[in-house]
Amino acid sequence: MSDVDSPVLRLIPYLAAFTVAVFLGLPMMGGGNLLTPLVVMAIAYFVTYYLVRYVIGLIVRNRRNSTDDQE
């Protein structure tokens, strides 16, 4: 995602990943086991981060290619 210039677009994957990790991990913490929620939170964080980053990269690349074609 080095081709993304907007700071907002760079921040979105972190916010989405943190939100998903919290909403998946916190409900699991009531069972008394701490390792399972931490593993789930870590996996959810990285999967969400890279998935959102990939989608944003596709959108930015597609928009740049479509504006290049019009000129």
N, C-alpha and C. Protein backbone atom coordinates (compact mmCIF):
# COMPACT_ATOMS: atom_id res chain seq x y z
N MET A 1 0.84 -1.18 0.00
CA MET A 1 0.00 0.00 0.00
C MET A 1 0.88 1.24 0.00
N SER A 2 2.04 1.13 -0.59
CA SER A 2 2.92 2.28 -0.64
C SER A 2 2.43 3.32 -1.62
N ASP A 3 1.49 2.92 -2.49
CA ASP A 3 0.98 3.88 -3.46
C ASP A 3 -0.18 4.71 -2.92
N VAL A 4 -0.58 4.47 -1.68
CA VAL A 4 -1.67 5.24 -1.06
C VAL A 4 -1.06 6.46 -0.38
N ASP A 5 -1.48 7.64 -0.82
CA ASP A 5 -0.90 8.87 -0.31
C ASP A 5 -1.68 9.45 0.86
N SER A 6 -2.95 9.13 0.96
CA SER A 6 -3.81 9.73 1.97
C SER A 6 -3.54 9.14 3.35
N PRO A 7 -3.32 9.98 4.35
CA PRO A 7 -3.12 9.47 5.71
C PRO A 7 -4.37 8.77 6.26
N VAL A 8 -5.54 9.19 5.80
CA VAL A 8 -6.77 8.55 6.26
C VAL A 8 -6.84 7.11 5.75
N LEU A 9 -6.46 6.91 4.50
CA LEU A 9 -6.48 5.55 3.95
C LEU A 9 -5.43 4.67 4.60
N ARG A 10 -4.38 5.25 5.09
CA ARG A 10 -3.37 4.46 5.81
C ARG A 10 -3.83 4.11 7.21
N LEU A 11 -4.71 4.90 7.79
CA LEU A 11 -5.19 4.67 9.16
C LEU A 11 -6.34 3.67 9.23
N ILE A 12 -7.11 3.55 8.18
CA ILE A 12 -8.31 2.70 8.18
C ILE A 12 -7.99 1.23 8.51
N PRO A 13 -6.95 0.60 7.94
CA PRO A 13 -6.69 -0.80 8.29
C PRO A 13 -6.39 -1.01 9.78
N TYR A 14 -5.67 -0.08 10.40
CA TYR A 14 -5.38 -0.22 11.82
C TYR A 14 -6.65 -0.12 12.66
N LEU A 15 -7.50 0.84 12.33
CA LEU A 15 -8.74 1.00 13.08
C LEU A 15 -9.68 -0.18 12.90
N ALA A 16 -9.79 -0.67 11.69
CA ALA A 16 -10.65 -1.83 11.44
C ALA A 16 -10.13 -3.07 12.16
N ALA A 17 -8.82 -3.28 12.10
CA ALA A 17 -8.23 -4.45 12.74
C ALA A 17 -8.38 -4.39 14.25
N PHE A 18 -8.17 -3.23 14.84
CA PHE A 18 -8.32 -3.09 16.28
C PHE A 18 -9.77 -3.33 16.70
N THR A 19 -10.71 -2.80 15.93
CA THR A 19 -12.13 -2.96 16.25
C THR A 19 -12.54 -4.42 16.19
N VAL A 20 -12.13 -5.12 15.15
CA VAL A 20 -12.49 -6.54 15.02
C VAL A 20 -11.84 -7.35 16.13
N ALA A 21 -10.59 -7.08 16.44
CA ALA A 21 -9.91 -7.83 17.50
C ALA A 21 -10.59 -7.63 18.85
N VAL A 22 -10.98 -6.41 19.14
CA VAL A 22 -11.64 -6.15 20.42
C VAL A 22 -13.01 -6.83 20.48
N PHE A 23 -13.79 -6.70 19.42
CA PHE A 23 -15.13 -7.28 19.45
C PHE A 23 -15.13 -8.80 19.40
N LEU A 24 -14.08 -9.42 18.90
CA LEU A 24 -13.99 -10.87 18.94
C LEU A 24 -13.34 -11.38 20.22
N GLY A 25 -12.40 -10.62 20.76
CA GLY A 25 -11.65 -11.09 21.92
C GLY A 25 -12.30 -10.83 23.26
N LEU A 26 -12.92 -9.69 23.42
CA LEU A 26 -13.49 -9.36 24.73
C LEU A 26 -14.60 -10.30 25.20
N PRO A 27 -15.52 -10.71 24.34
CA PRO A 27 -16.54 -11.65 24.83
C PRO A 27 -15.97 -13.00 25.26
N MET A 28 -14.82 -13.37 24.72
CA MET A 28 -14.21 -14.66 25.06
C MET A 28 -13.47 -14.62 26.39
N MET A 29 -13.20 -13.44 26.93
CA MET A 29 -12.40 -13.33 28.14
C MET A 29 -13.15 -13.77 29.40
N GLY A 30 -14.43 -13.95 29.35
CA GLY A 30 -15.21 -14.31 30.53
C GLY A 30 -15.00 -15.74 30.99
N GLY A 31 -14.43 -16.58 30.16
CA GLY A 31 -14.26 -17.99 30.50
C GLY A 31 -13.12 -18.28 31.46
N GLY A 32 -12.27 -17.34 31.74
CA GLY A 32 -11.15 -17.56 32.65
C GLY A 32 -9.85 -17.89 31.94
N ASN A 33 -9.92 -18.37 30.72
CA ASN A 33 -8.73 -18.68 29.96
C ASN A 33 -8.27 -17.41 29.23
N LEU A 34 -7.03 -17.04 29.39
CA LEU A 34 -6.54 -15.80 28.77
C LEU A 34 -5.83 -16.04 27.44
N LEU A 35 -5.27 -17.23 27.26
CA LEU A 35 -4.49 -17.51 26.05
C LEU A 35 -5.36 -17.58 24.80
N THR A 36 -6.49 -18.24 24.89
CA THR A 36 -7.36 -18.39 23.72
C THR A 36 -7.84 -17.05 23.19
N PRO A 37 -8.36 -16.14 24.02
CA PRO A 37 -8.77 -14.84 23.49
C PRO A 37 -7.61 -14.04 22.89
N LEU A 38 -6.43 -14.14 23.48
CA LEU A 38 -5.27 -13.42 22.93
C LEU A 38 -4.89 -13.95 21.55
N VAL A 39 -4.95 -15.26 21.38
CA VAL A 39 -4.62 -15.85 20.08
C VAL A 39 -5.68 -15.45 19.05
N VAL A 40 -6.95 -15.51 19.45
CA VAL A 40 -8.03 -15.11 18.54
C VAL A 40 -7.90 -13.64 18.17
N MET A 41 -7.59 -12.80 19.15
CA MET A 41 -7.43 -11.36 18.88
C MET A 41 -6.26 -11.10 17.93
N ALA A 42 -5.16 -11.80 18.13
CA ALA A 42 -3.99 -11.60 17.27
C ALA A 42 -4.28 -12.04 15.84
N ILE A 43 -4.90 -13.20 15.69
CA ILE A 43 -5.22 -13.69 14.35
C ILE A 43 -6.22 -12.75 13.67
N ALA A 44 -7.26 -12.34 14.41
CA ALA A 44 -8.27 -11.44 13.84
C ALA A 44 -7.64 -10.11 13.44
N TYR A 45 -6.72 -9.60 14.27
CA TYR A 45 -6.07 -8.33 13.96
C TYR A 45 -5.32 -8.40 12.64
N PHE A 46 -4.47 -9.41 12.49
CA PHE A 46 -3.63 -9.49 11.29
C PHE A 46 -4.43 -9.82 10.04
N VAL A 47 -5.42 -10.70 10.16
CA VAL A 47 -6.24 -11.04 9.00
C VAL A 47 -7.02 -9.81 8.54
N THR A 48 -7.63 -9.11 9.49
CA THR A 48 -8.41 -7.92 9.14
C THR A 48 -7.51 -6.83 8.57
N TYR A 49 -6.36 -6.61 9.18
CA TYR A 49 -5.45 -5.57 8.72
C TYR A 49 -5.05 -5.80 7.26
N TYR A 50 -4.58 -7.01 6.96
CA TYR A 50 -4.10 -7.26 5.60
C TYR A 50 -5.24 -7.34 4.59
N LEU A 51 -6.41 -7.81 5.01
CA LEU A 51 -7.55 -7.84 4.10
C LEU A 51 -8.03 -6.44 3.75
N VAL A 52 -8.14 -5.57 4.74
CA VAL A 52 -8.57 -4.18 4.49
C VAL A 52 -7.51 -3.44 3.69
N ARG A 53 -6.26 -3.68 4.01
CA ARG A 53 -5.17 -3.04 3.26
C ARG A 53 -5.18 -3.46 1.80
N TYR A 54 -5.44 -4.74 1.54
CA TYR A 54 -5.51 -5.24 0.18
C TYR A 54 -6.68 -4.62 -0.58
N VAL A 55 -7.84 -4.55 0.05
CA VAL A 55 -9.02 -3.98 -0.60
C VAL A 55 -8.81 -2.50 -0.90
N ILE A 56 -8.24 -1.76 0.03
CA ILE A 56 -7.98 -0.33 -0.21
C ILE A 56 -6.97 -0.17 -1.35
N GLY A 57 -5.96 -1.01 -1.40
CA GLY A 57 -4.99 -0.96 -2.50
C GLY A 57 -5.64 -1.23 -3.85
N LEU A 58 -6.56 -2.19 -3.88
CA LEU A 58 -7.28 -2.47 -5.13
C LEU A 58 -8.13 -1.28 -5.56
N ILE A 59 -8.82 -0.68 -4.62
CA ILE A 59 -9.67 0.46 -4.94
C ILE A 59 -8.84 1.64 -5.44
N VAL A 60 -7.74 1.92 -4.77
CA VAL A 60 -6.90 3.06 -5.17
C VAL A 60 -6.29 2.80 -6.54
N ARG A 61 -5.80 1.58 -6.77
CA ARG A 61 -5.22 1.26 -8.07
C ARG A 61 -6.26 1.35 -9.18
N ASN A 62 -7.46 0.87 -8.89
CA ASN A 62 -8.53 0.90 -9.88
C ASN A 62 -8.93 2.34 -10.21
N ARG A 63 -9.02 3.18 -9.20
CA ARG A 63 -9.39 4.59 -9.45
C ARG A 63 -8.29 5.30 -10.22
N ARG A 64 -7.04 5.02 -9.90
CA ARG A 64 -5.94 5.68 -10.62
C ARG A 64 -5.88 5.22 -12.07
N ASN A 65 -6.12 3.94 -12.31
CA ASN A 65 -6.12 3.45 -13.68
C ASN A 65 -7.29 4.02 -14.48
N SER A 66 -8.43 4.16 -13.84
CA SER A 66 -9.59 4.70 -14.57
C SER A 66 -9.40 6.19 -14.88
N THR A 67 -8.73 6.93 -14.01
CA THR A 67 -8.49 8.36 -14.30
C THR A 67 -7.39 8.49 -15.34
N ASP A 68 -6.45 7.57 -15.39
CA ASP A 68 -5.40 7.61 -16.42
C ASP A 68 -5.98 7.31 -17.80
N ASP A 69 -6.97 6.42 -17.86
CA ASP A 69 -7.58 6.05 -19.13
C ASP A 69 -8.41 7.20 -19.70
N GLN A 70 -8.98 8.02 -18.85
CA GLN A 70 -9.85 9.10 -19.31
C GLN A 70 -9.05 10.25 -19.91
N GLU A 71 -7.83 10.41 -19.53
CA GLU A 71 -7.04 11.55 -19.99
C GLU A 71 -6.42 11.33 -21.33
